[in-house]
Protein backbone atom coordinates (compact mmCIF):
# COMPACT_ATOMS: atom_id res chain seq x y z
CA MET A 1 0.19 0.37 0.08
CA ASP A 2 3.01 2.22 1.03
CA LYS A 3 4.73 1.84 -2.71
CA ILE A 4 0.98 2.55 -4.44
CA LEU A 5 0.85 6.00 -2.14
CA TYR A 6 4.56 6.90 -3.02
CA ASN A 7 3.92 6.30 -7.39
CA ALA A 8 0.02 7.82 -6.64
CA ILE A 9 2.15 11.27 -5.09
CA LEU A 10 5.22 10.80 -7.15
CA LEU A 11 2.62 10.27 -10.22
CA LEU A 12 1.05 13.68 -9.08
CA ILE A 13 4.39 15.72 -9.18
CA VAL A 14 5.72 14.63 -12.06
CA LEU A 15 2.68 16.04 -14.09
CA ALA A 16 2.58 19.59 -11.97
CA ILE A 17 5.77 19.99 -13.14
CA ALA A 18 5.53 18.68 -16.79
CA THR A 19 2.26 20.90 -16.20
CA ALA A 20 3.33 24.07 -15.54
CA LEU A 21 6.89 24.08 -18.18
CA LEU A 22 4.11 23.17 -20.96
CA LYS A 23 1.99 26.05 -20.45
CA PRO A 24 3.16 29.50 -21.77
CA GLY A 25 2.13 32.76 -20.27
CA ASP A 26 -0.28 34.86 -21.53
CA GLY A 27 2.03 37.00 -23.45
CA LYS A 28 1.92 40.18 -21.68
CA PRO A 29 5.05 41.79 -22.66
CA THR A 30 6.43 44.77 -19.66
CA CYS A 31 6.72 47.28 -22.42
CA THR A 32 9.89 48.11 -21.45
CA THR A 33 12.12 48.61 -24.65
CA LYS A 34 11.76 50.75 -27.85
CA ALA A 35 11.13 47.05 -29.71
CA GLU A 36 8.13 46.17 -28.17
CA ILE A 37 6.77 49.87 -28.52
CA ASP A 38 7.53 48.97 -32.25
CA ILE A 39 5.92 46.07 -32.58
CA GLY A 40 3.42 47.64 -30.73
CA LEU A 41 1.13 44.54 -30.88
CA PHE A 42 1.14 41.03 -28.83
CA ARG A 43 -0.33 38.17 -28.49
CA ASN A 44 -2.78 37.17 -25.56
CA ASN A 45 -1.86 32.97 -25.08
CA TRP A 46 -4.32 32.56 -23.28
CA ASP A 47 -7.75 34.00 -25.77
CA PRO A 48 -7.45 34.09 -28.96
CA THR A 49 -9.74 36.89 -29.16
CA LEU A 50 -7.87 39.08 -26.60
CA TYR A 51 -4.09 40.51 -27.77
CA TRP A 52 -1.90 43.07 -25.27
CA LYS A 53 -0.99 46.80 -27.15
CA CYS A 54 2.41 48.39 -25.98
CA GLU A 55 2.11 52.25 -26.60
CA VAL A 56 4.07 53.98 -24.72
CA ILE A 57 7.70 52.58 -22.64
CA ASP A 58 7.47 51.61 -19.51
CA GLU A 59 3.99 51.46 -19.10
CA LEU A 60 2.09 48.53 -18.68
CA PRO A 61 0.42 46.96 -22.36
CA THR A 62 -3.37 47.65 -21.99
CA LEU A 63 -5.49 44.48 -23.13
CA GLU A 64 -7.70 44.73 -26.17
CA ARG A 65 -9.90 42.21 -27.62
CA CYS A 66 -11.58 42.16 -31.32
CA PRO A 67 -14.77 43.23 -31.66
CA ASP A 68 -17.31 40.05 -31.82
CA GLN A 69 -16.99 37.41 -34.02
CA MET A 70 -13.34 37.99 -34.74
CA ALA A 71 -10.34 36.98 -33.25
CA TYR A 72 -6.31 38.01 -33.02
CA LEU A 73 -4.31 36.97 -36.39
CA ASP A 74 -0.41 37.06 -34.65
CA SER A 75 1.19 36.56 -38.17
CA ILE A 76 -1.07 40.01 -39.38
CA LYS A 77 -0.98 41.95 -36.28
CA ASP A 78 -5.09 42.59 -36.76
CA CYS A 79 -8.18 40.82 -36.34
CA VAL A 80 -9.95 38.57 -38.14
CA SER A 81 -12.97 36.66 -38.62
CA TRP A 82 -13.07 33.05 -37.16
CA GLU A 83 -13.43 31.95 -41.41
CA TYR A 84 -9.75 33.14 -42.01
CA TRP A 85 -8.30 32.48 -37.81
CA GLN A 86 -5.96 29.72 -37.71
CA TRP A 87 -3.91 28.45 -34.84
CA GLU A 88 -0.26 29.75 -34.83
CA GLU A 89 2.38 28.37 -32.32
CA PRO A 90 2.41 31.23 -29.21
CA ILE A 91 5.94 33.26 -29.82
CA GLU A 92 6.99 35.01 -26.36
CA PRO A 93 7.36 38.67 -26.34
CA LEU A 94 10.44 40.35 -25.88
CA THR A 95 10.10 40.78 -22.28
CA ILE A 96 7.98 39.32 -20.16
CA ALA A 97 5.76 40.36 -17.70
CA GLU A 98 4.95 38.55 -14.06
CA GLN A 99 1.32 36.91 -14.47
CA SER A 100 -1.30 37.84 -12.48
């Protein structure tokens, strides 16, 4: 019985670590570099209808929402109708803000 409990706890620990490592952040930049201001828009990795907007260096980005029936497509930095939206591999911003 002790061996089964030990293995179950070990499995839960391994799964928790794997989940934490595989789950990307939400893509929120810190907006602390000129390059981030020049890029301006960053995908929200958790919700395709949201994106981050950097406008001023050293100010937190604003969370923007696409219009109804649209999703943010990072490759073109714009909202598109779901008909044209496709999943893209998340790319972390140049700087990453702490997750809240």
